[in-house]
């Protein structure tokens, strides 16, 4: 019995809002060591930028991400500042 190959994934264009938000979260990988946590946080921040989600201070608290070397409040402030730059 064989396995099927994984499905193909299309990358988002560099100029897309989604790519910009996920890039912001990836820039904080020193504070967010788990890749899946960064993806979850990126998804929630993308929803916030689109007007569907909560403020970053609430997202960081509720996303239950593993944070190292910085407090939740400081991370939320840094994320808010970066989001304002792209909005």
PDB file of N, CA and C in Angstrom:
ATOM      1  N   UNK A   1       0.850  -1.175   0.000  1.00  0.00           N
ATOM      2  CA  UNK A   1       0.000   0.000   0.000  1.00  0.00           C
ATOM      3  C   UNK A   1       0.897   1.240   0.000  1.00  0.00           C
ATOM      4  N   UNK A   2       0.657   2.152  -0.888  1.00  0.00           N
ATOM      5  CA  UNK A   2       1.468   3.358  -1.005  1.00  0.00           C
ATOM      6  C   UNK A   2       0.757   4.569  -0.430  1.00  0.00           C
ATOM      7  N   UNK A   3       1.502   5.621  -0.333  1.00  0.00           N
ATOM      8  CA  UNK A   3       0.911   6.879   0.144  1.00  0.00           C
ATOM      9  C   UNK A   3       0.850   7.876  -1.000  1.00  0.00           C
ATOM     10  N   UNK A   4      -0.068   8.773  -0.898  1.00  0.00           N
ATOM     11  CA  UNK A   4      -0.224   9.797  -1.920  1.00  0.00           C
ATOM     12  C   UNK A   4       0.709  10.966  -1.631  1.00  0.00           C
ATOM     13  N   UNK A   5       1.139  11.671  -2.668  1.00  0.00           N
ATOM     14  CA  UNK A   5       1.975  12.850  -2.423  1.00  0.00           C
ATOM     15  C   UNK A   5       1.140  13.949  -1.775  1.00  0.00           C
ATOM     16  N   UNK A   6       1.794  14.844  -1.046  1.00  0.00           N
ATOM     17  CA  UNK A   6       1.036  15.934  -0.417  1.00  0.00           C
ATOM     18  C   UNK A   6       0.464  16.876  -1.472  1.00  0.00           C
ATOM     19  N   UNK A   7      -0.603  17.573  -1.133  1.00  0.00           N
ATOM     20  CA  UNK A   7      -1.188  18.502  -2.105  1.00  0.00           C
ATOM     21  C   UNK A   7      -0.245  19.677  -2.366  1.00  0.00           C
ATOM     22  N   UNK A   8      -0.353  20.233  -3.541  1.00  0.00           N
ATOM     23  CA  UNK A   8       0.453  21.401  -3.890  1.00  0.00           C
ATOM     24  C   UNK A   8      -0.017  22.635  -3.126  1.00  0.00           C
ATOM     25  N   UNK A   9       0.905  23.523  -2.819  1.00  0.00           N
ATOM     26  CA  UNK A   9       0.586  24.736  -2.075  1.00  0.00           C
ATOM     27  C   UNK A   9       1.008  25.932  -2.903  1.00  0.00           C
ATOM     28  N   UNK A  10       0.096  26.863  -3.078  1.00  0.00           N
ATOM     29  CA  UNK A  10       0.442  28.082  -3.792  1.00  0.00           C
ATOM     30  C   UNK A  10       0.895  29.134  -2.793  1.00  0.00           C
ATOM     31  N   UNK A  11       2.019  29.762  -3.049  1.00  0.00           N
ATOM     32  CA  UNK A  11       2.524  30.830  -2.191  1.00  0.00           C
ATOM     33  C   UNK A  11       1.757  32.114  -2.477  1.00  0.00           C
ATOM     34  N   UNK A  12       1.551  32.898  -1.434  1.00  0.00           N
ATOM     35  CA  UNK A  12       0.900  34.205  -1.588  1.00  0.00           C
ATOM     36  C   UNK A  12       1.874  35.174  -2.230  1.00  0.00           C
ATOM     37  N   UNK A  13       1.388  36.092  -3.050  1.00  0.00           N
ATOM     38  CA  UNK A  13       2.275  37.111  -3.624  1.00  0.00           C
ATOM     39  C   UNK A  13       2.885  37.983  -2.514  1.00  0.00           C
ATOM     40  N   UNK A  14       4.092  38.440  -2.732  1.00  0.00           N
ATOM     41  CA  UNK A  14       4.798  39.254  -1.730  1.00  0.00           C
ATOM     42  C   UNK A  14       4.031  40.519  -1.361  1.00  0.00           C
ATOM     43  N   UNK A  15       3.245  41.043  -2.276  1.00  0.00           N
ATOM     44  CA  UNK A  15       2.540  42.294  -2.018  1.00  0.00           C
ATOM     45  C   UNK A  15       1.185  42.096  -1.339  1.00  0.00           C
ATOM     46  N   UNK A  16       0.788  40.848  -1.103  1.00  0.00           N
ATOM     47  CA  UNK A  16      -0.527  40.599  -0.512  1.00  0.00           C
ATOM     48  C   UNK A  16      -0.526  40.926   0.986  1.00  0.00           C
ATOM     49  N   UNK A  17      -1.671  41.307   1.478  1.00  0.00           N
ATOM     50  CA  UNK A  17      -1.834  41.641   2.894  1.00  0.00           C
ATOM     51  C   UNK A  17      -1.542  40.430   3.764  1.00  0.00           C
ATOM     52  N   UNK A  18      -1.983  39.279   3.328  1.00  0.00           N
ATOM     53  CA  UNK A  18      -1.769  38.048   4.086  1.00  0.00           C
ATOM     54  C   UNK A  18      -0.277  37.767   4.270  1.00  0.00           C
ATOM     55  N   UNK A  19       0.488  37.899   3.203  1.00  0.00           N
ATOM     56  CA  UNK A  19       1.928  37.654   3.260  1.00  0.00           C
ATOM     57  C   UNK A  19       2.618  38.653   4.191  1.00  0.00           C
ATOM     58  N   UNK A  20       2.183  39.910   4.148  1.00  0.00           N
ATOM     59  CA  UNK A  20       2.775  40.929   5.010  1.00  0.00           C
ATOM     60  C   UNK A  20       2.531  40.623   6.480  1.00  0.00           C
ATOM     61  N   UNK A  21       1.309  40.191   6.814  1.00  0.00           N
ATOM     62  CA  UNK A  21       0.982  39.891   8.214  1.00  0.00           C
ATOM     63  C   UNK A  21       1.776  38.680   8.698  1.00  0.00           C
ATOM     64  N   UNK A  22       1.829  37.631   7.894  1.00  0.00           N
ATOM     65  CA  UNK A  22       2.586  36.441   8.291  1.00  0.00           C
ATOM     66  C   UNK A  22       4.081  36.749   8.402  1.00  0.00           C
ATOM     67  N   UNK A  23       4.588  37.656   7.566  1.00  0.00           N
ATOM     68  CA  UNK A  23       5.996  38.050   7.648  1.00  0.00           C
ATOM     69  C   UNK A  23       6.288  38.793   8.946  1.00  0.00           C
ATOM     70  N   UNK A  24       5.333  39.599   9.389  1.00  0.00           N
ATOM     71  CA  UNK A  24       5.494  40.298  10.665  1.00  0.00           C
ATOM     72  C   UNK A  24       5.638  39.288  11.796  1.00  0.00           C
ATOM     73  N   UNK A  25       4.763  38.301  11.802  1.00  0.00           N
ATOM     74  CA  UNK A  25       4.816  37.289  12.862  1.00  0.00           C
ATOM     75  C   UNK A  25       6.118  36.500  12.780  1.00  0.00           C
ATOM     76  N   UNK A  26       6.565  36.159  11.568  1.00  0.00           N
ATOM     77  CA  UNK A  26       7.822  35.428  11.413  1.00  0.00           C
ATOM     78  C   UNK A  26       9.020  36.245  11.879  1.00  0.00           C
ATOM     79  N   UNK A  27       8.932  37.564  11.834  1.00  0.00           N
ATOM     80  CA  UNK A  27      10.042  38.392  12.283  1.00  0.00           C
ATOM     81  C   UNK A  27      10.232  38.307  13.802  1.00  0.00           C
ATOM     82  N   UNK A  28       9.235  37.785  14.505  1.00  0.00           N
ATOM     83  CA  UNK A  28       9.335  37.624  15.956  1.00  0.00           C
ATOM     84  C   UNK A  28       9.598  36.178  16.348  1.00  0.00           C
ATOM     85  N   UNK A  29      10.247  35.406  15.479  1.00  0.00           N
ATOM     86  CA  UNK A  29      10.471  33.988  15.767  1.00  0.00           C
ATOM     87  C   UNK A  29      11.409  33.762  16.952  1.00  0.00           C
ATOM     88  N   UNK A  30      12.202  34.764  17.318  1.00  0.00           N
ATOM     89  CA  UNK A  30      13.048  34.610  18.508  1.00  0.00           C
ATOM     90  C   UNK A  30      12.201  34.560  19.778  1.00  0.00           C
ATOM     91  N   UNK A  31      11.030  35.177  19.755  1.00  0.00           N
ATOM     92  CA  UNK A  31      10.123  35.162  20.896  1.00  0.00           C
ATOM     93  C   UNK A  31       9.075  34.054  20.787  1.00  0.00           C
ATOM     94  N   UNK A  32       8.846  33.573  19.576  1.00  0.00           N
ATOM     95  CA  UNK A  32       7.832  32.539  19.317  1.00  0.00           C
ATOM     96  C   UNK A  32       8.534  31.338  18.671  1.00  0.00           C
ATOM     97  N   UNK A  33       9.108  30.442  19.490  1.00  0.00           N
ATOM     98  CA  UNK A  33       9.934  29.365  18.939  1.00  0.00           C
ATOM     99  C   UNK A  33       9.169  28.275  18.191  1.00  0.00           C
ATOM    100  N   UNK A  34       7.876  28.119  18.436  1.00  0.00           N
ATOM    101  CA  UNK A  34       7.095  27.046  17.807  1.00  0.00           C
ATOM    102  C   UNK A  34       6.446  27.563  16.523  1.00  0.00           C
ATOM    103  N   UNK A  35       6.745  26.890  15.411  1.00  0.00           N
ATOM    104  CA  UNK A  35       6.251  27.329  14.098  1.00  0.00           C
ATOM    105  C   UNK A  35       4.727  27.330  14.036  1.00  0.00           C
ATOM    106  N   UNK A  36       4.087  26.339  14.614  1.00  0.00           N
ATOM    107  CA  UNK A  36       2.634  26.276  14.577  1.00  0.00           C
ATOM    108  C   UNK A  36       2.011  27.429  15.352  1.00  0.00           C
ATOM    109  N   UNK A  37       2.666  27.851  16.440  1.00  0.00           N
ATOM    110  CA  UNK A  37       2.191  29.012  17.199  1.00  0.00           C
ATOM    111  C   UNK A  37       2.251  30.274  16.343  1.00  0.00           C
ATOM    112  N   UNK A  38       3.320  30.407  15.556  1.00  0.00           N
ATOM    113  CA  UNK A  38       3.451  31.576  14.675  1.00  0.00           C
ATOM    114  C   UNK A  38       2.361  31.557  13.614  1.00  0.00           C
ATOM    115  N   UNK A  39       2.055  30.387  13.076  1.00  0.00           N
ATOM    116  CA  UNK A  39       0.983  30.287  12.079  1.00  0.00           C
ATOM    117  C   UNK A  39      -0.363  30.664  12.680  1.00  0.00           C
ATOM    118  N   UNK A  40      -0.645  30.172  13.883  1.00  0.00           N
ATOM    119  CA  UNK A  40      -1.917  30.474  14.545  1.00  0.00           C
ATOM    120  C   UNK A  40      -2.034  31.965  14.823  1.00  0.00           C
ATOM    121  N   UNK A  41      -0.947  32.554  15.316  1.00  0.00           N
ATOM    122  CA  UNK A  41      -0.939  33.985  15.600  1.00  0.00           C
ATOM    123  C   UNK A  41      -1.080  34.792  14.310  1.00  0.00           C
ATOM    124  N   UNK A  42      -0.408  34.362  13.246  1.00  0.00           N
ATOM    125  CA  UNK A  42      -0.520  35.041  11.961  1.00  0.00           C
ATOM    126  C   UNK A  42      -1.932  35.016  11.417  1.00  0.00           C
ATOM    127  N   UNK A  43      -2.608  33.877  11.540  1.00  0.00           N
ATOM    128  CA  UNK A  43      -3.987  33.760  11.079  1.00  0.00           C
ATOM    129  C   UNK A  43      -4.894  34.720  11.846  1.00  0.00           C
ATOM    130  N   UNK A  44      -4.737  34.744  13.172  1.00  0.00           N
ATOM    131  CA  UNK A  44      -5.568  35.636  13.989  1.00  0.00           C
ATOM    132  C   UNK A  44      -5.284  37.107  13.699  1.00  0.00           C
ATOM    133  N   UNK A  45      -4.027  37.456  13.483  1.00  0.00           N
ATOM    134  CA  UNK A  45      -3.695  38.844  13.156  1.00  0.00           C
ATOM    135  C   UNK A  45      -4.219  39.227  11.773  1.00  0.00           C
ATOM    136  N   UNK A  46      -4.201  38.289  10.855  1.00  0.00           N
ATOM    137  CA  UNK A  46      -4.742  38.557   9.524  1.00  0.00           C
ATOM    138  C   UNK A  46      -6.238  38.855   9.614  1.00  0.00           C
ATOM    139  N   UNK A  47      -6.948  38.091  10.432  1.00  0.00           N
ATOM    140  CA  UNK A  47      -8.370  38.356  10.630  1.00  0.00           C
ATOM    141  C   UNK A  47      -8.579  39.732  11.266  1.00  0.00           C
ATOM    142  N   UNK A  48      -7.691  40.129  12.192  1.00  0.00           N
ATOM    143  CA  UNK A  48      -7.789  41.444  12.826  1.00  0.00           C
ATOM    144  C   UNK A  48      -7.611  42.552  11.792  1.00  0.00           C
ATOM    145  N   UNK A  49      -6.628  42.407  10.924  1.00  0.00           N
ATOM    146  CA  UNK A  49      -6.357  43.417   9.903  1.00  0.00           C
ATOM    147  C   UNK A  49      -7.540  43.544   8.941  1.00  0.00           C
ATOM    148  N   UNK A  50      -8.218  42.437   8.668  1.00  0.00           N
ATOM    149  CA  UNK A  50      -9.377  42.455   7.787  1.00  0.00           C
ATOM    150  C   UNK A  50     -10.620  42.983   8.497  1.00  0.00           C
ATOM    151  N   UNK A  51     -10.544  43.225   9.802  1.00  0.00           N
ATOM    152  CA  UNK A  51     -11.679  43.758  10.550  1.00  0.00           C
ATOM    153  C   UNK A  51     -12.561  42.702  11.173  1.00  0.00           C
ATOM    154  N   UNK A  52     -12.094  41.466  11.212  1.00  0.00           N
ATOM    155  CA  UNK A  52     -12.909  40.373  11.731  1.00  0.00           C
ATOM    156  C   UNK A  52     -12.468  39.877  13.096  1.00  0.00           C
ATOM    157  N   UNK A  53     -11.303  40.276  13.568  1.00  0.00           N
ATOM    158  CA  UNK A  53     -10.758  39.694  14.785  1.00  0.00           C
ATOM    159  C   UNK A  53     -10.558  40.693  15.904  1.00  0.00           C
ATOM    160  N   UNK A  54      -9.971  40.198  16.980  1.00  0.00           N
ATOM    161  CA  UNK A  54      -9.704  40.999  18.164  1.00  0.00           C
ATOM    162  C   UNK A  54      -8.393  41.767  18.032  1.00  0.00           C
ATOM    163  N   UNK A  55      -8.191  42.701  18.949  1.00  0.00           N
ATOM    164  CA  UNK A  55      -6.959  43.487  19.030  1.00  0.00           C
ATOM    165  C   UNK A  55      -5.796  42.548  19.371  1.00  0.00           C
ATOM    166  N   UNK A  56      -4.576  42.864  18.916  1.00  0.00           N
ATOM    167  CA  UNK A  56      -3.430  42.004  19.200  1.00  0.00           C
ATOM    168  C   UNK A  56      -3.218  41.682  20.686  1.00  0.00           C
ATOM    169  N   UNK A  57      -3.559  42.607  21.574  1.00  0.00           N
ATOM    170  CA  UNK A  57      -3.384  42.314  23.000  1.00  0.00           C
ATOM    171  C   UNK A  57      -4.275  41.152  23.436  1.00  0.00           C
ATOM    172  N   UNK A  58      -5.445  41.052  22.856  1.00  0.00           N
ATOM    173  CA  UNK A  58      -6.355  39.949  23.172  1.00  0.00           C
ATOM    174  C   UNK A  58      -5.922  38.683  22.432  1.00  0.00           C
ATOM    175  N   UNK A  59      -5.478  38.836  21.206  1.00  0.00           N
ATOM    176  CA  UNK A  59      -5.052  37.686  20.406  1.00  0.00           C
ATOM    177  C   UNK A  59      -3.885  36.966  21.069  1.00  0.00           C
ATOM    178  N   UNK A  60      -2.885  37.719  21.504  1.00  0.00           N
ATOM    179  CA  UNK A  60      -1.704  37.103  22.111  1.00  0.00           C
ATOM    180  C   UNK A  60      -2.090  36.342  23.375  1.00  0.00           C
ATOM    181  N   UNK A  61      -3.000  36.889  24.134  1.00  0.00           N
ATOM    182  CA  UNK A  61      -3.432  36.233  25.371  1.00  0.00           C
ATOM    183  C   UNK A  61      -4.247  34.973  25.085  1.00  0.00           C
ATOM    184  N   UNK A  62      -5.161  35.023  24.129  1.00  0.00           N
ATOM    185  CA  UNK A  62      -6.073  33.913  23.869  1.00  0.00           C
ATOM    186  C   UNK A  62      -5.511  32.838  22.936  1.00  0.00           C
ATOM    187  N   UNK A  63      -4.483  33.152  22.181  1.00  0.00           N
ATOM    188  CA  UNK A  63      -3.940  32.190  21.216  1.00  0.00           C
ATOM    189  C   UNK A  63      -3.150  31.069  21.895  1.00  0.00           C
ATOM    190  N   UNK A  64      -2.787  31.266  23.148  1.00  0.00           N
ATOM    191  CA  UNK A  64      -2.046  30.261  23.924  1.00  0.00           C
ATOM    192  C   UNK A  64      -0.761  29.845  23.225  1.00  0.00           C
ATOM    193  N   UNK A  65       0.008  30.849  22.806  1.00  0.00           N
ATOM    194  CA  UNK A  65       1.288  30.598  22.160  1.00  0.00           C
ATOM    195  C   UNK A  65       2.388  30.568  23.207  1.00  0.00           C
ATOM    196  N   UNK A  66       3.456  29.847  22.894  1.00  0.00           N
ATOM    197  CA  UNK A  66       4.612  29.786  23.784  1.00  0.00           C
ATOM    198  C   UNK A  66       5.496  30.998  23.492  1.00  0.00           C
ATOM    199  N   UNK A  67       5.686  31.851  24.500  1.00  0.00           N
ATOM    200  CA  UNK A  67       6.468  33.072  24.343  1.00  0.00           C
ATOM    201  C   UNK A  67       7.711  32.969  25.218  1.00  0.00           C
ATOM    202  N   UNK A  68       8.875  33.293  24.645  1.00  0.00           N
ATOM    203  CA  UNK A  68      10.132  33.241  25.394  1.00  0.00           C
ATOM    204  C   UNK A  68      10.873  34.561  25.253  1.00  0.00           C
ATOM    205  N   UNK A  69      11.356  35.087  26.373  1.00  0.00           N
ATOM    206  CA  UNK A  69      12.211  36.262  26.357  1.00  0.00           C
ATOM    207  C   UNK A  69      11.500  37.599  26.313  1.00  0.00           C
ATOM    208  N   UNK A  70      10.182  37.598  26.375  1.00  0.00           N
ATOM    209  CA  UNK A  70       9.414  38.842  26.308  1.00  0.00           C
ATOM    210  C   UNK A  70       8.055  38.574  26.958  1.00  0.00           C
ATOM    211  N   UNK A  71       7.448  39.605  27.486  1.00  0.00           N
ATOM    212  CA  UNK A  71       6.120  39.428  28.092  1.00  0.00           C
ATOM    213  C   UNK A  71       5.032  39.477  27.019  1.00  0.00           C
ATOM    214  N   UNK A  72       3.847  38.978  27.379  1.00  0.00           N
ATOM    215  CA  UNK A  72       2.719  39.023  26.445  1.00  0.00           C
ATOM    216  C   UNK A  72       2.394  40.457  26.051  1.00  0.00           C
ATOM    217  N   UNK A  73       2.433  41.344  27.033  1.00  0.00           N
ATOM    218  CA  UNK A  73       2.096  42.751  26.789  1.00  0.00           C
ATOM    219  C   UNK A  73       3.084  43.389  25.815  1.00  0.00           C
ATOM    220  N   UNK A  74       4.374  43.142  26.019  1.00  0.00           N
ATOM    221  CA  UNK A  74       5.391  43.725  25.130  1.00  0.00           C
ATOM    222  C   UNK A  74       5.258  43.176  23.703  1.00  0.00           C
ATOM    223  N   UNK A  75       4.998  41.871  23.598  1.00  0.00           N
ATOM    224  CA  UNK A  75       4.820  41.276  22.272  1.00  0.00           C
ATOM    225  C   UNK A  75       3.605  41.869  21.569  1.00  0.00           C
ATOM    226  N   UNK A  76       2.516  42.029  22.300  1.00  0.00           N
ATOM    227  CA  UNK A  76       1.300  42.607  21.712  1.00  0.00           C
ATOM    228  C   UNK A  76       1.549  44.043  21.255  1.00  0.00           C
ATOM    229  N   UNK A  77       2.303  44.821  22.030  1.00  0.00           N
ATOM    230  CA  UNK A  77       2.618  46.196  21.639  1.00  0.00           C
ATOM    231  C   UNK A  77       3.464  46.229  20.371  1.00  0.00           C
ATOM    232  N   UNK A  78       4.450  45.332  20.287  1.00  0.00           N
ATOM    233  CA  UNK A  78       5.309  45.284  19.099  1.00  0.00           C
ATOM    234  C   UNK A  78       4.507  44.861  17.863  1.00  0.00           C
ATOM    235  N   UNK A  79       3.627  43.883  18.037  1.00  0.00           N
ATOM    236  CA  UNK A  79       2.805  43.438  16.915  1.00  0.00           C
ATOM    237  C   UNK A  79       1.870  44.570  16.463  1.00  0.00           C
ATOM    238  N   UNK A  80       1.281  45.287  17.421  1.00  0.00           N
ATOM    239  CA  UNK A  80       0.392  46.400  17.082  1.00  0.00           C
ATOM    240  C   UNK A  80       1.126  47.463  16.272  1.00  0.00           C
ATOM    241  N   UNK A  81       2.347  47.786  16.705  1.00  0.00           N
ATOM    242  CA  UNK A  81       3.139  48.798  16.007  1.00  0.00           C
ATOM    243  C   UNK A  81       3.444  48.363  14.575  1.00  0.00           C
ATOM    244  N   UNK A  82       3.790  47.098  14.391  1.00  0.00           N
ATOM    245  CA  UNK A  82       4.095  46.602  13.047  1.00  0.00           C
ATOM    246  C   UNK A  82       2.843  46.563  12.166  1.00  0.00           C
ATOM    247  N   UNK A  83       1.716  46.196  12.750  1.00  0.00           N
ATOM    248  CA  UNK A  83       0.456  46.142  11.985  1.00  0.00           C
ATOM    249  C   UNK A  83       0.068  47.540  11.514  1.00  0.00           C
ATOM    250  N   UNK A  84       0.281  48.552  12.360  1.00  0.00           N
ATOM    251  CA  UNK A  84      -0.046  49.926  11.978  1.00  0.00           C
ATOM    252  C   UNK A  84       0.765  50.379  10.772  1.00  0.00           C
ATOM    253  N   UNK A  85       1.988  49.865  10.642  1.00  0.00           N
ATOM    254  CA  UNK A  85       2.845  50.254   9.527  1.00  0.00           C
ATOM    255  C   UNK A  85       2.300  49.762   8.183  1.00  0.00           C
ATOM    256  N   UNK A  86       1.639  48.626   8.176  1.00  0.00           N
ATOM    257  CA  UNK A  86       1.137  48.086   6.903  1.00  0.00           C
ATOM    258  C   UNK A  86      -0.296  48.492   6.610  1.00  0.00           C
ATOM    259  N   UNK A  87      -1.007  48.988   7.620  1.00  0.00           N
ATOM    260  CA  UNK A  87      -2.414  49.353   7.416  1.00  0.00           C
ATOM    261  C   UNK A  87      -2.559  50.689   6.726  1.00  0.00           C
TER     262      UNK A  87
END
